[in-house]
Amino acid sequence: MSDTSAKYAGAAERWSEEQYADSVAYLRHRAELIVSLGPPLEPGDRILDLACGDAGLADFLRPYDYLGVDASEEMVRAARARGARLELADLNDYEPPEPVAATTCFRAIYYARDRREFFRRVAGYTERKLVFDLNPRQYDVDDVRADLAAAGFDRVALRPFFAPQTRALAGPLAALLRALEHNRTVARAALKVRFTYLVAAHRASG
């Protein structure tokens, strides 16, 4: 068993429900931004979700042709039990059988053995955009932009993602936080202490 598989062996069942205080609100908002940030997606487009865990996100991308990939056998079994289409593979090595419109990778970019090479591989099979989350307190945004550009992704859209992972919010407060994602001053201050960006990387012609 790989280190990654061992880490999640006992936690795969109900992973999404237990990782997020309000998994529906959190994953729905993520799905909305996957579709709208950067070049928009259309129903029926193929989405490849790398390091997808139990594929909880698939429930919110039903109009799209979803394929998940995870390195944990337990996560793959849990995802298939949800009815998602899954393959067992490492995100560093996997290539889909045909090109995809979008590739996503959440809470897992640090699993890339070589980030620039990972972006280059993804660019080879992704026609429209790569969407992932980025903690600006952990990674230098300019360094990540440089790696994306070297891989051919010469356009980058950043969007603050103000959905708490560990606290469920009342509807009005959650809506207020989403609205504040558009306020650059507030977003810049908040991202110094909490939350992440969603990044949509694409080509100028994408």
N, C-alpha and C. Protein backbone atom coordinates (compact mmCIF):
# COMPACT_ATOMS: atom_id res chain seq x y z
N MET A 1 0.85 -1.20 0.00
CA MET A 1 0.00 0.00 0.00
C MET A 1 0.88 1.24 0.00
N SER A 2 0.59 2.21 -0.88
CA SER A 2 1.37 3.44 -0.91
C SER A 2 1.10 4.28 0.32
N ASP A 3 1.99 5.25 0.57
CA ASP A 3 1.79 6.14 1.72
C ASP A 3 0.47 6.89 1.60
N THR A 4 0.16 7.32 0.37
CA THR A 4 -1.09 8.06 0.14
C THR A 4 -2.30 7.18 0.43
N SER A 5 -2.26 5.95 -0.09
CA SER A 5 -3.38 5.03 0.13
C SER A 5 -3.55 4.73 1.60
N ALA A 6 -2.42 4.51 2.29
CA ALA A 6 -2.49 4.20 3.72
C ALA A 6 -3.08 5.35 4.51
N LYS A 7 -2.76 6.57 4.11
CA LYS A 7 -3.24 7.75 4.83
C LYS A 7 -4.75 7.81 4.85
N TYR A 8 -5.39 7.39 3.75
CA TYR A 8 -6.83 7.53 3.63
C TYR A 8 -7.58 6.21 3.80
N ALA A 9 -6.86 5.13 4.12
CA ALA A 9 -7.48 3.81 4.15
C ALA A 9 -8.68 3.76 5.08
N GLY A 10 -8.59 4.39 6.23
CA GLY A 10 -9.68 4.29 7.19
C GLY A 10 -10.67 5.43 7.13
N ALA A 11 -10.51 6.33 6.15
CA ALA A 11 -11.33 7.54 6.15
C ALA A 11 -12.13 7.74 4.87
N ALA A 12 -12.09 6.78 3.96
CA ALA A 12 -12.70 6.99 2.65
C ALA A 12 -14.22 7.10 2.71
N GLU A 13 -14.83 6.23 3.51
CA GLU A 13 -16.29 6.24 3.57
C GLU A 13 -16.78 7.55 4.20
N ARG A 14 -17.66 8.22 3.50
CA ARG A 14 -18.22 9.51 3.93
C ARG A 14 -17.13 10.58 4.08
N TRP A 15 -16.10 10.49 3.26
CA TRP A 15 -14.99 11.45 3.31
C TRP A 15 -15.49 12.88 3.14
N SER A 16 -16.24 13.15 2.08
CA SER A 16 -16.70 14.52 1.81
C SER A 16 -17.58 15.04 2.93
N GLU A 17 -18.48 14.21 3.40
CA GLU A 17 -19.41 14.65 4.44
C GLU A 17 -18.67 15.00 5.74
N GLU A 18 -17.57 14.31 6.00
CA GLU A 18 -16.84 14.53 7.25
C GLU A 18 -15.73 15.57 7.12
N GLN A 19 -15.27 15.83 5.91
CA GLN A 19 -14.23 16.83 5.70
C GLN A 19 -14.77 18.26 5.73
N TYR A 20 -16.02 18.42 5.36
CA TYR A 20 -16.61 19.75 5.24
C TYR A 20 -17.82 19.87 6.16
N ALA A 21 -17.84 20.95 6.94
CA ALA A 21 -18.95 21.16 7.87
C ALA A 21 -20.28 21.25 7.13
N ASP A 22 -20.25 21.86 5.94
CA ASP A 22 -21.42 21.93 5.08
C ASP A 22 -20.96 21.52 3.68
N SER A 23 -20.90 20.21 3.47
CA SER A 23 -20.32 19.71 2.23
C SER A 23 -21.11 20.14 1.00
N VAL A 24 -22.42 20.26 1.13
CA VAL A 24 -23.24 20.66 -0.02
C VAL A 24 -22.89 22.08 -0.46
N ALA A 25 -22.87 23.02 0.48
CA ALA A 25 -22.57 24.41 0.13
C ALA A 25 -21.14 24.54 -0.39
N TYR A 26 -20.21 23.87 0.26
CA TYR A 26 -18.80 23.98 -0.11
C TYR A 26 -18.56 23.43 -1.51
N LEU A 27 -19.03 22.21 -1.77
CA LEU A 27 -18.75 21.57 -3.06
C LEU A 27 -19.58 22.19 -4.18
N ARG A 28 -20.78 22.66 -3.87
CA ARG A 28 -21.58 23.32 -4.90
C ARG A 28 -20.88 24.60 -5.37
N HIS A 29 -20.36 25.37 -4.42
CA HIS A 29 -19.68 26.62 -4.78
C HIS A 29 -18.42 26.31 -5.59
N ARG A 30 -17.69 25.28 -5.20
CA ARG A 30 -16.50 24.90 -5.96
C ARG A 30 -16.89 24.52 -7.39
N ALA A 31 -17.95 23.73 -7.52
CA ALA A 31 -18.40 23.30 -8.85
C ALA A 31 -18.81 24.49 -9.71
N GLU A 32 -19.50 25.46 -9.10
CA GLU A 32 -19.92 26.65 -9.85
C GLU A 32 -18.71 27.37 -10.44
N LEU A 33 -17.64 27.46 -9.66
CA LEU A 33 -16.45 28.17 -10.14
C LEU A 33 -15.67 27.34 -11.15
N ILE A 34 -15.69 26.03 -11.02
CA ILE A 34 -15.07 25.19 -12.05
C ILE A 34 -15.69 25.50 -13.41
N VAL A 35 -16.97 25.64 -13.41
CA VAL A 35 -17.69 25.89 -14.67
C VAL A 35 -17.48 27.31 -15.18
N SER A 36 -17.49 28.30 -14.28
CA SER A 36 -17.55 29.70 -14.73
C SER A 36 -16.22 30.44 -14.76
N LEU A 37 -15.25 30.03 -13.95
CA LEU A 37 -14.00 30.78 -13.87
C LEU A 37 -13.14 30.48 -15.09
N GLY A 38 -12.63 31.52 -15.74
CA GLY A 38 -11.89 31.32 -16.98
C GLY A 38 -12.85 30.96 -18.09
N PRO A 39 -12.38 30.29 -19.14
CA PRO A 39 -13.27 29.89 -20.23
C PRO A 39 -14.41 29.03 -19.69
N PRO A 40 -15.65 29.39 -19.97
CA PRO A 40 -16.78 28.64 -19.39
C PRO A 40 -16.91 27.24 -19.98
N LEU A 41 -17.47 26.35 -19.19
CA LEU A 41 -17.75 25.00 -19.66
C LEU A 41 -19.21 24.89 -20.07
N GLU A 42 -19.47 23.94 -20.95
CA GLU A 42 -20.83 23.69 -21.42
C GLU A 42 -21.25 22.29 -21.00
N PRO A 43 -22.55 22.08 -20.73
CA PRO A 43 -23.02 20.74 -20.39
C PRO A 43 -22.53 19.71 -21.40
N GLY A 44 -22.06 18.60 -20.89
CA GLY A 44 -21.52 17.56 -21.74
C GLY A 44 -20.01 17.59 -21.87
N ASP A 45 -19.38 18.70 -21.50
CA ASP A 45 -17.92 18.78 -21.55
C ASP A 45 -17.31 17.76 -20.60
N ARG A 46 -16.16 17.23 -20.97
CA ARG A 46 -15.45 16.27 -20.13
C ARG A 46 -14.64 17.00 -19.07
N ILE A 47 -14.79 16.55 -17.82
CA ILE A 47 -14.02 17.09 -16.70
C ILE A 47 -13.26 15.94 -16.06
N LEU A 48 -11.95 16.09 -15.96
CA LEU A 48 -11.10 15.12 -15.29
C LEU A 48 -10.73 15.68 -13.92
N ASP A 49 -11.09 14.96 -12.86
CA ASP A 49 -10.88 15.41 -11.49
C ASP A 49 -9.76 14.57 -10.87
N LEU A 50 -8.55 15.13 -10.82
CA LEU A 50 -7.40 14.41 -10.29
C LEU A 50 -7.39 14.47 -8.77
N ALA A 51 -6.93 13.37 -8.15
CA ALA A 51 -6.92 13.26 -6.69
C ALA A 51 -8.30 13.60 -6.14
N CYS A 52 -9.30 12.93 -6.67
CA CYS A 52 -10.71 13.31 -6.44
C CYS A 52 -11.26 12.80 -5.12
N GLY A 53 -10.50 11.99 -4.39
CA GLY A 53 -11.04 11.45 -3.15
C GLY A 53 -12.25 10.58 -3.43
N ASP A 54 -13.32 10.79 -2.69
CA ASP A 54 -14.52 9.98 -2.87
C ASP A 54 -15.45 10.55 -3.93
N ALA A 55 -14.95 11.51 -4.70
CA ALA A 55 -15.71 12.10 -5.82
C ALA A 55 -16.99 12.77 -5.37
N GLY A 56 -16.97 13.36 -4.19
CA GLY A 56 -18.13 14.12 -3.74
C GLY A 56 -18.49 15.25 -4.68
N LEU A 57 -17.48 15.78 -5.37
CA LEU A 57 -17.71 16.87 -6.32
C LEU A 57 -18.57 16.45 -7.50
N ALA A 58 -18.53 15.17 -7.84
CA ALA A 58 -19.26 14.69 -9.02
C ALA A 58 -20.76 14.95 -8.90
N ASP A 59 -21.28 14.92 -7.69
CA ASP A 59 -22.71 15.15 -7.49
C ASP A 59 -23.14 16.53 -7.95
N PHE A 60 -22.21 17.47 -8.00
CA PHE A 60 -22.53 18.86 -8.36
C PHE A 60 -22.09 19.20 -9.79
N LEU A 61 -21.64 18.18 -10.52
CA LEU A 61 -21.22 18.37 -11.91
C LEU A 61 -21.96 17.39 -12.82
N ARG A 62 -23.19 17.10 -12.48
CA ARG A 62 -23.93 16.08 -13.21
C ARG A 62 -24.17 16.41 -14.69
N PRO A 63 -24.30 17.68 -15.09
CA PRO A 63 -24.48 17.94 -16.53
C PRO A 63 -23.23 17.69 -17.36
N TYR A 64 -22.12 17.34 -16.70
CA TYR A 64 -20.84 17.21 -17.38
C TYR A 64 -20.38 15.75 -17.38
N ASP A 65 -19.46 15.44 -18.27
CA ASP A 65 -18.92 14.08 -18.39
C ASP A 65 -17.75 13.97 -17.42
N TYR A 66 -18.04 13.48 -16.21
CA TYR A 66 -17.07 13.48 -15.11
C TYR A 66 -16.29 12.19 -15.07
N LEU A 67 -14.96 12.32 -14.90
CA LEU A 67 -14.09 11.18 -14.64
C LEU A 67 -13.16 11.54 -13.50
N GLY A 68 -13.17 10.74 -12.44
CA GLY A 68 -12.30 10.98 -11.31
C GLY A 68 -11.11 10.04 -11.32
N VAL A 69 -10.03 10.49 -10.72
CA VAL A 69 -8.81 9.68 -10.59
C VAL A 69 -8.30 9.85 -9.16
N ASP A 70 -7.96 8.73 -8.52
CA ASP A 70 -7.37 8.82 -7.19
C ASP A 70 -6.41 7.66 -6.99
N ALA A 71 -5.38 7.90 -6.15
CA ALA A 71 -4.35 6.89 -5.91
C ALA A 71 -4.71 5.94 -4.78
N SER A 72 -5.80 6.21 -4.08
CA SER A 72 -6.22 5.37 -2.96
C SER A 72 -7.30 4.39 -3.41
N GLU A 73 -7.04 3.10 -3.23
CA GLU A 73 -8.03 2.10 -3.60
C GLU A 73 -9.32 2.29 -2.81
N GLU A 74 -9.19 2.68 -1.53
CA GLU A 74 -10.36 2.87 -0.69
C GLU A 74 -11.21 4.04 -1.20
N MET A 75 -10.55 5.12 -1.61
CA MET A 75 -11.29 6.26 -2.15
C MET A 75 -11.98 5.89 -3.45
N VAL A 76 -11.31 5.13 -4.28
CA VAL A 76 -11.91 4.72 -5.55
C VAL A 76 -13.16 3.87 -5.30
N ARG A 77 -13.07 2.96 -4.34
CA ARG A 77 -14.25 2.15 -4.02
C ARG A 77 -15.39 3.02 -3.48
N ALA A 78 -15.05 3.98 -2.60
CA ALA A 78 -16.08 4.86 -2.04
C ALA A 78 -16.72 5.70 -3.14
N ALA A 79 -15.92 6.18 -4.07
CA ALA A 79 -16.44 7.01 -5.16
C ALA A 79 -17.34 6.20 -6.08
N ARG A 80 -16.92 5.00 -6.40
CA ARG A 80 -17.75 4.15 -7.27
C ARG A 80 -19.06 3.81 -6.59
N ALA A 81 -19.02 3.67 -5.26
CA ALA A 81 -20.26 3.41 -4.53
C ALA A 81 -21.23 4.58 -4.64
N ARG A 82 -20.70 5.78 -4.85
CA ARG A 82 -21.54 6.96 -5.08
C ARG A 82 -22.12 6.99 -6.49
N GLY A 83 -21.57 6.14 -7.37
CA GLY A 83 -22.01 6.13 -8.75
C GLY A 83 -21.12 6.91 -9.68
N ALA A 84 -19.97 7.38 -9.20
CA ALA A 84 -19.05 8.15 -10.04
C ALA A 84 -18.17 7.21 -10.85
N ARG A 85 -17.70 7.72 -11.98
CA ARG A 85 -16.76 6.97 -12.83
C ARG A 85 -15.34 7.29 -12.37
N LEU A 86 -14.61 6.28 -11.97
CA LEU A 86 -13.30 6.46 -11.35
C LEU A 86 -12.25 5.56 -11.95
N GLU A 87 -11.00 6.04 -11.91
CA GLU A 87 -9.85 5.21 -12.24
C GLU A 87 -8.83 5.33 -11.12
N LEU A 88 -8.13 4.24 -10.86
CA LEU A 88 -7.09 4.20 -9.83
C LEU A 88 -5.76 4.55 -10.47
N ALA A 89 -5.18 5.69 -10.07
CA ALA A 89 -3.90 6.11 -10.64
C ALA A 89 -3.34 7.27 -9.85
N ASP A 90 -2.05 7.49 -9.99
CA ASP A 90 -1.35 8.63 -9.41
C ASP A 90 -1.52 9.83 -10.34
N LEU A 91 -1.78 10.99 -9.77
CA LEU A 91 -2.00 12.18 -10.60
C LEU A 91 -0.75 12.55 -11.41
N ASN A 92 0.43 12.14 -10.97
CA ASN A 92 1.65 12.46 -11.69
C ASN A 92 1.80 11.66 -12.98
N ASP A 93 1.16 10.51 -13.05
CA ASP A 93 1.37 9.59 -14.16
C ASP A 93 0.16 9.43 -15.07
N TYR A 94 -1.01 9.79 -14.59
CA TYR A 94 -2.23 9.49 -15.34
C TYR A 94 -2.38 10.36 -16.58
N GLU A 95 -2.83 9.73 -17.66
CA GLU A 95 -3.27 10.45 -18.85
C GLU A 95 -4.60 9.85 -19.29
N PRO A 96 -5.59 10.67 -19.55
CA PRO A 96 -6.89 10.14 -19.95
C PRO A 96 -6.83 9.52 -21.34
N PRO A 97 -7.76 8.64 -21.66
CA PRO A 97 -7.74 8.00 -22.98
C PRO A 97 -8.03 8.96 -24.12
N GLU A 98 -8.63 10.10 -23.83
CA GLU A 98 -8.88 11.13 -24.83
C GLU A 98 -8.84 12.49 -24.14
N PRO A 99 -8.63 13.56 -24.91
CA PRO A 99 -8.52 14.89 -24.28
C PRO A 99 -9.78 15.26 -23.50
N VAL A 100 -9.59 16.14 -22.53
CA VAL A 100 -10.70 16.61 -21.70
C VAL A 100 -10.81 18.12 -21.84
N ALA A 101 -12.01 18.64 -21.60
CA ALA A 101 -12.20 20.09 -21.66
C ALA A 101 -11.52 20.77 -20.48
N ALA A 102 -11.65 20.17 -19.29
CA ALA A 102 -11.09 20.76 -18.08
C ALA A 102 -10.50 19.67 -17.19
N THR A 103 -9.41 20.03 -16.54
CA THR A 103 -8.82 19.18 -15.51
C THR A 103 -8.88 19.94 -14.19
N THR A 104 -9.26 19.26 -13.13
CA THR A 104 -9.29 19.88 -11.81
C THR A 104 -8.39 19.11 -10.85
N CYS A 105 -7.92 19.82 -9.82
CA CYS A 105 -7.07 19.19 -8.81
C CYS A 105 -7.20 20.02 -7.53
N PHE A 106 -7.87 19.46 -6.53
CA PHE A 106 -8.14 20.22 -5.31
C PHE A 106 -7.51 19.56 -4.09
N ARG A 107 -6.93 20.42 -3.25
CA ARG A 107 -6.28 19.99 -2.00
C ARG A 107 -5.25 18.91 -2.29
N ALA A 108 -4.57 19.01 -3.43
CA ALA A 108 -3.65 17.94 -3.81
C ALA A 108 -2.48 18.41 -4.67
N ILE A 109 -2.39 19.70 -4.95
CA ILE A 109 -1.34 20.14 -5.86
C ILE A 109 0.04 19.82 -5.29
N TYR A 110 0.13 19.70 -3.97
CA TYR A 110 1.41 19.40 -3.34
C TYR A 110 1.84 17.95 -3.58
N TYR A 111 0.95 17.11 -4.13
CA TYR A 111 1.34 15.75 -4.48
C TYR A 111 2.14 15.70 -5.79
N ALA A 112 2.17 16.79 -6.52
CA ALA A 112 2.95 16.82 -7.76
C ALA A 112 4.43 16.71 -7.42
N ARG A 113 5.10 15.70 -7.98
CA ARG A 113 6.53 15.52 -7.70
C ARG A 113 7.34 16.68 -8.25
N ASP A 114 6.95 17.16 -9.42
CA ASP A 114 7.58 18.31 -10.07
C ASP A 114 6.43 19.16 -10.60
N ARG A 115 6.17 20.27 -9.96
CA ARG A 115 4.96 21.05 -10.28
C ARG A 115 4.95 21.50 -11.73
N ARG A 116 6.07 21.99 -12.23
CA ARG A 116 6.11 22.47 -13.62
C ARG A 116 5.87 21.33 -14.60
N GLU A 117 6.47 20.18 -14.34
CA GLU A 117 6.27 19.03 -15.22
C GLU A 117 4.83 18.53 -15.12
N PHE A 118 4.25 18.58 -13.93
CA PHE A 118 2.85 18.20 -13.77
C PHE A 118 1.96 19.10 -14.61
N PHE A 119 2.16 20.39 -14.54
CA PHE A 119 1.37 21.32 -15.36
C PHE A 119 1.56 21.03 -16.85
N ARG A 120 2.78 20.68 -17.24
CA ARG A 120 3.05 20.41 -18.65
C ARG A 120 2.30 19.17 -19.11
N ARG A 121 2.27 18.14 -18.28
CA ARG A 121 1.53 16.92 -18.63
C ARG A 121 0.04 17.21 -18.75
N VAL A 122 -0.49 17.96 -17.80
CA VAL A 122 -1.92 18.30 -17.83
C VAL A 122 -2.24 19.13 -19.08
N ALA A 123 -1.36 20.04 -19.43
CA ALA A 123 -1.59 20.87 -20.63
C ALA A 123 -1.68 20.02 -21.89
N GLY A 124 -1.00 18.88 -21.88
CA GLY A 124 -0.99 18.03 -23.06
C GLY A 124 -2.32 17.38 -23.37
N TYR A 125 -3.18 17.21 -22.35
CA TYR A 125 -4.46 16.56 -22.61
C TYR A 125 -5.66 17.43 -22.24
N THR A 126 -5.44 18.67 -21.84
CA THR A 126 -6.52 19.56 -21.42
C THR A 126 -6.76 20.63 -22.47
N GLU A 127 -7.94 20.66 -23.02
CA GLU A 127 -8.22 21.55 -24.14
C GLU A 127 -8.60 22.97 -23.70
N ARG A 128 -9.22 23.13 -22.55
CA ARG A 128 -9.74 24.45 -22.21
C ARG A 128 -9.09 25.05 -20.97
N LYS A 129 -9.08 24.33 -19.84
CA LYS A 129 -8.52 24.96 -18.63
C LYS A 129 -8.18 23.92 -17.56
N LEU A 130 -7.26 24.32 -16.71
CA LEU A 130 -6.91 23.60 -15.50
C LEU A 130 -7.40 24.43 -14.32
N VAL A 131 -8.15 23.81 -13.42
CA VAL A 131 -8.68 24.52 -12.26
C VAL A 131 -8.18 23.83 -10.99
N PHE A 132 -7.60 24.61 -10.08
CA PHE A 132 -7.10 24.05 -8.83
C PHE A 132 -7.14 25.11 -7.75
N ASP A 133 -6.98 24.66 -6.50
CA ASP A 133 -6.95 25.61 -5.40
C ASP A 133 -5.51 25.89 -5.00
N LEU A 134 -5.28 27.10 -4.46
CA LEU A 134 -3.93 27.54 -4.14
C LEU A 134 -3.96 28.35 -2.85
N ASN A 135 -3.17 27.93 -1.90
CA ASN A 135 -3.03 28.65 -0.64
C ASN A 135 -1.89 29.66 -0.79
N PRO A 136 -2.19 30.96 -0.83
CA PRO A 136 -1.14 31.96 -1.07
C PRO A 136 -0.19 32.13 0.10
N ARG A 137 -0.54 31.53 1.25
CA ARG A 137 0.38 31.57 2.38
C ARG A 137 1.38 30.42 2.33
N GLN A 138 1.09 29.46 1.47
CA GLN A 138 1.96 28.30 1.31
C GLN A 138 2.78 28.36 0.03
N TYR A 139 2.20 28.92 -1.02
CA TYR A 139 2.86 29.00 -2.32
C TYR A 139 2.91 30.43 -2.80
N ASP A 140 4.02 30.80 -3.42
CA ASP A 140 4.15 32.12 -4.02
C ASP A 140 3.36 32.13 -5.34
N VAL A 141 2.40 33.02 -5.45
CA VAL A 141 1.52 33.05 -6.62
C VAL A 141 2.31 33.31 -7.89
N ASP A 142 3.31 34.18 -7.84
CA ASP A 142 4.11 34.47 -9.03
C ASP A 142 4.91 33.25 -9.48
N ASP A 143 5.40 32.45 -8.53
CA ASP A 143 6.12 31.23 -8.89
C ASP A 143 5.19 30.24 -9.59
N VAL A 144 3.98 30.14 -9.09
CA VAL A 144 3.01 29.23 -9.70
C VAL A 144 2.63 29.73 -11.09
N ARG A 145 2.46 31.02 -11.24
CA ARG A 145 2.17 31.60 -12.56
C ARG A 145 3.29 31.27 -13.55
N ALA A 146 4.53 31.37 -13.10
CA ALA A 146 5.67 31.08 -13.97
C ALA A 146 5.67 29.62 -14.41
N ASP A 147 5.35 28.72 -13.49
CA ASP A 147 5.28 27.30 -13.85
C ASP A 147 4.15 27.04 -14.84
N LEU A 148 3.03 27.69 -14.64
CA LEU A 148 1.91 27.53 -15.57
C LEU A 148 2.27 28.05 -16.95
N ALA A 149 2.91 29.21 -17.00
CA ALA A 149 3.31 29.79 -18.29
C ALA A 149 4.29 28.88 -19.02
N ALA A 150 5.23 28.29 -18.28
CA ALA A 150 6.20 27.39 -18.90
C ALA A 150 5.52 26.16 -19.49
N ALA A 151 4.37 25.79 -18.91
CA ALA A 151 3.62 24.64 -19.40
C ALA A 151 2.68 25.00 -20.55
N GLY A 152 2.59 26.28 -20.88
CA GLY A 152 1.72 26.71 -21.98
C GLY A 152 0.43 27.38 -21.54
N PHE A 153 0.19 27.43 -20.24
CA PHE A 153 -0.99 28.13 -19.73
C PHE A 153 -0.63 29.60 -19.53
N ASP A 154 -0.86 30.41 -20.54
CA ASP A 154 -0.41 31.81 -20.49
C ASP A 154 -1.47 32.78 -19.99
N ARG A 155 -2.62 32.26 -19.58
CA ARG A 155 -3.66 33.09 -18.99
C ARG A 155 -4.08 32.46 -17.65
N VAL A 156 -4.19 33.29 -16.63
CA VAL A 156 -4.54 32.79 -15.30
C VAL A 156 -5.61 33.68 -14.70
N ALA A 157 -6.71 33.07 -14.27
CA ALA A 157 -7.77 33.78 -13.55
C ALA A 157 -7.74 33.31 -12.11
N LEU A 158 -7.68 34.26 -11.18
CA LEU A 158 -7.69 33.96 -9.75
C LEU A 158 -8.99 34.43 -9.13
N ARG A 159 -9.55 33.59 -8.26
CA ARG A 159 -10.77 33.98 -7.57
C ARG A 159 -10.66 33.56 -6.11
N PRO A 160 -10.75 34.48 -5.17
CA PRO A 160 -10.79 34.08 -3.76
C PRO A 160 -11.96 33.12 -3.54
N PHE A 161 -11.73 32.13 -2.68
CA PHE A 161 -12.75 31.13 -2.39
C PHE A 161 -13.05 31.20 -0.91
N PHE A 162 -14.13 31.91 -0.57
CA PHE A 162 -14.47 32.16 0.82
C PHE A 162 -15.59 31.23 1.29
N ALA A 163 -15.31 29.94 1.26
CA ALA A 163 -16.25 28.95 1.79
C ALA A 163 -15.52 28.20 2.90
N PRO A 164 -15.90 28.40 4.14
CA PRO A 164 -15.21 27.73 5.24
C PRO A 164 -15.33 26.21 5.14
N GLN A 165 -14.24 25.54 5.42
CA GLN A 165 -14.25 24.08 5.36
C GLN A 165 -14.79 23.46 6.65
N THR A 166 -14.49 24.08 7.77
CA THR A 166 -14.79 23.45 9.05
C THR A 166 -15.94 24.09 9.82
N ARG A 167 -16.61 25.06 9.20
CA ARG A 167 -17.72 25.72 9.89
C ARG A 167 -18.88 25.94 8.92
N ALA A 168 -20.05 25.48 9.32
CA ALA A 168 -21.25 25.70 8.51
C ALA A 168 -21.80 27.09 8.82
N LEU A 169 -22.17 27.82 7.78
CA LEU A 169 -22.67 29.18 7.95
C LEU A 169 -24.14 29.26 7.56
N ALA A 170 -24.86 30.13 8.24
CA ALA A 170 -26.24 30.42 7.84
C ALA A 170 -26.25 31.00 6.44
N GLY A 171 -27.34 30.79 5.73
CA GLY A 171 -27.43 31.22 4.34
C GLY A 171 -27.02 32.66 4.09
N PRO A 172 -27.56 33.64 4.83
CA PRO A 172 -27.19 35.03 4.57
C PRO A 172 -25.70 35.31 4.77
N LEU A 173 -25.09 34.70 5.77
CA LEU A 173 -23.67 34.92 6.01
C LEU A 173 -22.83 34.27 4.91
N ALA A 174 -23.22 33.08 4.48
CA ALA A 174 -22.51 32.43 3.38
C ALA A 174 -22.60 33.26 2.10
N ALA A 175 -23.79 33.83 1.85
CA ALA A 175 -23.96 34.68 0.67
C ALA A 175 -23.10 35.93 0.75
N LEU A 176 -22.99 36.50 1.96
CA LEU A 176 -22.14 37.68 2.14
C LEU A 176 -20.68 37.35 1.85
N LEU A 177 -20.22 36.21 2.33
CA LEU A 177 -18.84 35.82 2.07
C LEU A 177 -18.59 35.66 0.58
N ARG A 178 -19.52 35.03 -0.12
CA ARG A 178 -19.36 34.86 -1.57
C ARG A 178 -19.31 36.21 -2.26
N ALA A 179 -20.11 37.17 -1.80
CA ALA A 179 -20.09 38.51 -2.39
C ALA A 179 -18.74 39.18 -2.17
N LEU A 180 -18.14 38.94 -1.00
CA LEU A 180 -16.86 39.56 -0.68
C LEU A 180 -15.71 39.00 -1.51
N GLU A 181 -15.93 37.87 -2.16
CA GLU A 181 -14.90 37.34 -3.06
C GLU A 181 -14.59 38.33 -4.18
N HIS A 182 -15.54 39.22 -4.48
CA HIS A 182 -15.35 40.19 -5.56
C HIS A 182 -14.72 41.49 -5.07
N ASN A 183 -14.56 41.63 -3.78
CA ASN A 183 -13.99 42.86 -3.21
C ASN A 183 -12.48 42.66 -3.02
N ARG A 184 -11.69 43.29 -3.87
CA ARG A 184 -10.25 43.03 -3.87
C ARG A 184 -9.58 43.41 -2.55
N THR A 185 -10.01 44.51 -1.97
CA THR A 185 -9.39 44.96 -0.73
C THR A 185 -9.65 43.97 0.39
N VAL A 186 -10.90 43.57 0.53
CA VAL A 186 -11.25 42.60 1.57
C VAL A 186 -10.59 41.26 1.30
N ALA A 187 -10.61 40.84 0.04
CA ALA A 187 -10.03 39.55 -0.31
C ALA A 187 -8.54 39.50 0.00
N ARG A 188 -7.85 40.56 -0.35
CA ARG A 188 -6.40 40.60 -0.11
C ARG A 188 -6.08 40.48 1.37
N ALA A 189 -6.88 41.15 2.20
CA ALA A 189 -6.65 41.09 3.65
C ALA A 189 -7.00 39.71 4.19
N ALA A 190 -8.12 39.15 3.75
CA ALA A 190 -8.55 37.85 4.26
C ALA A 190 -7.58 36.74 3.88
N LEU A 191 -7.04 36.82 2.68
CA LEU A 191 -6.16 35.75 2.20
C LEU A 191 -4.81 35.75 2.91
N LYS A 192 -4.52 36.79 3.64
CA LYS A 192 -3.27 36.80 4.42
C LYS A 192 -3.36 35.89 5.63
N VAL A 193 -4.59 35.57 6.05
CA VAL A 193 -4.75 34.78 7.27
C VAL A 193 -5.57 33.51 7.06
N ARG A 194 -6.39 33.47 5.99
CA ARG A 194 -7.27 32.32 5.82
C ARG A 194 -7.75 32.24 4.37
N PHE A 195 -8.36 31.13 4.03
CA PHE A 195 -8.97 30.89 2.73
C PHE A 195 -7.92 30.67 1.64
N THR A 196 -8.42 30.39 0.44
CA THR A 196 -7.55 30.07 -0.69
C THR A 196 -8.06 30.77 -1.94
N TYR A 197 -7.24 30.68 -2.99
CA TYR A 197 -7.68 31.06 -4.33
C TYR A 197 -8.16 29.82 -5.07
N LEU A 198 -9.11 30.01 -5.98
CA LEU A 198 -9.32 29.06 -7.05
C LEU A 198 -8.64 29.65 -8.28
N VAL A 199 -7.90 28.81 -8.97
CA VAL A 199 -7.12 29.23 -10.12
C VAL A 199 -7.64 28.52 -11.36
N ALA A 200 -7.91 29.29 -12.41
CA ALA A 200 -8.25 28.71 -13.71
C ALA A 200 -7.17 29.12 -14.69
N ALA A 201 -6.37 28.16 -15.12
CA ALA A 201 -5.27 28.44 -16.04
C ALA A 201 -5.66 27.93 -17.43
N HIS A 202 -5.40 28.77 -18.42
CA HIS A 202 -5.78 28.40 -19.78
C HIS A 202 -4.86 29.07 -20.78
N ARG A 203 -5.06 28.79 -22.03
CA ARG A 203 -4.26 29.39 -23.10
C ARG A 203 -5.01 30.58 -23.67
N ALA A 204 -4.29 31.49 -24.26
CA ALA A 204 -4.92 32.68 -24.83
C ALA A 204 -5.98 32.32 -25.85
N SER A 205 -5.78 31.22 -26.54
CA SER A 205 -6.75 30.80 -27.55
C SER A 205 -7.80 29.86 -26.99
N GLY A 206 -7.68 29.55 -25.65
CA GLY A 206 -8.59 28.57 -25.03
C GLY A 206 -9.93 29.16 -24.68
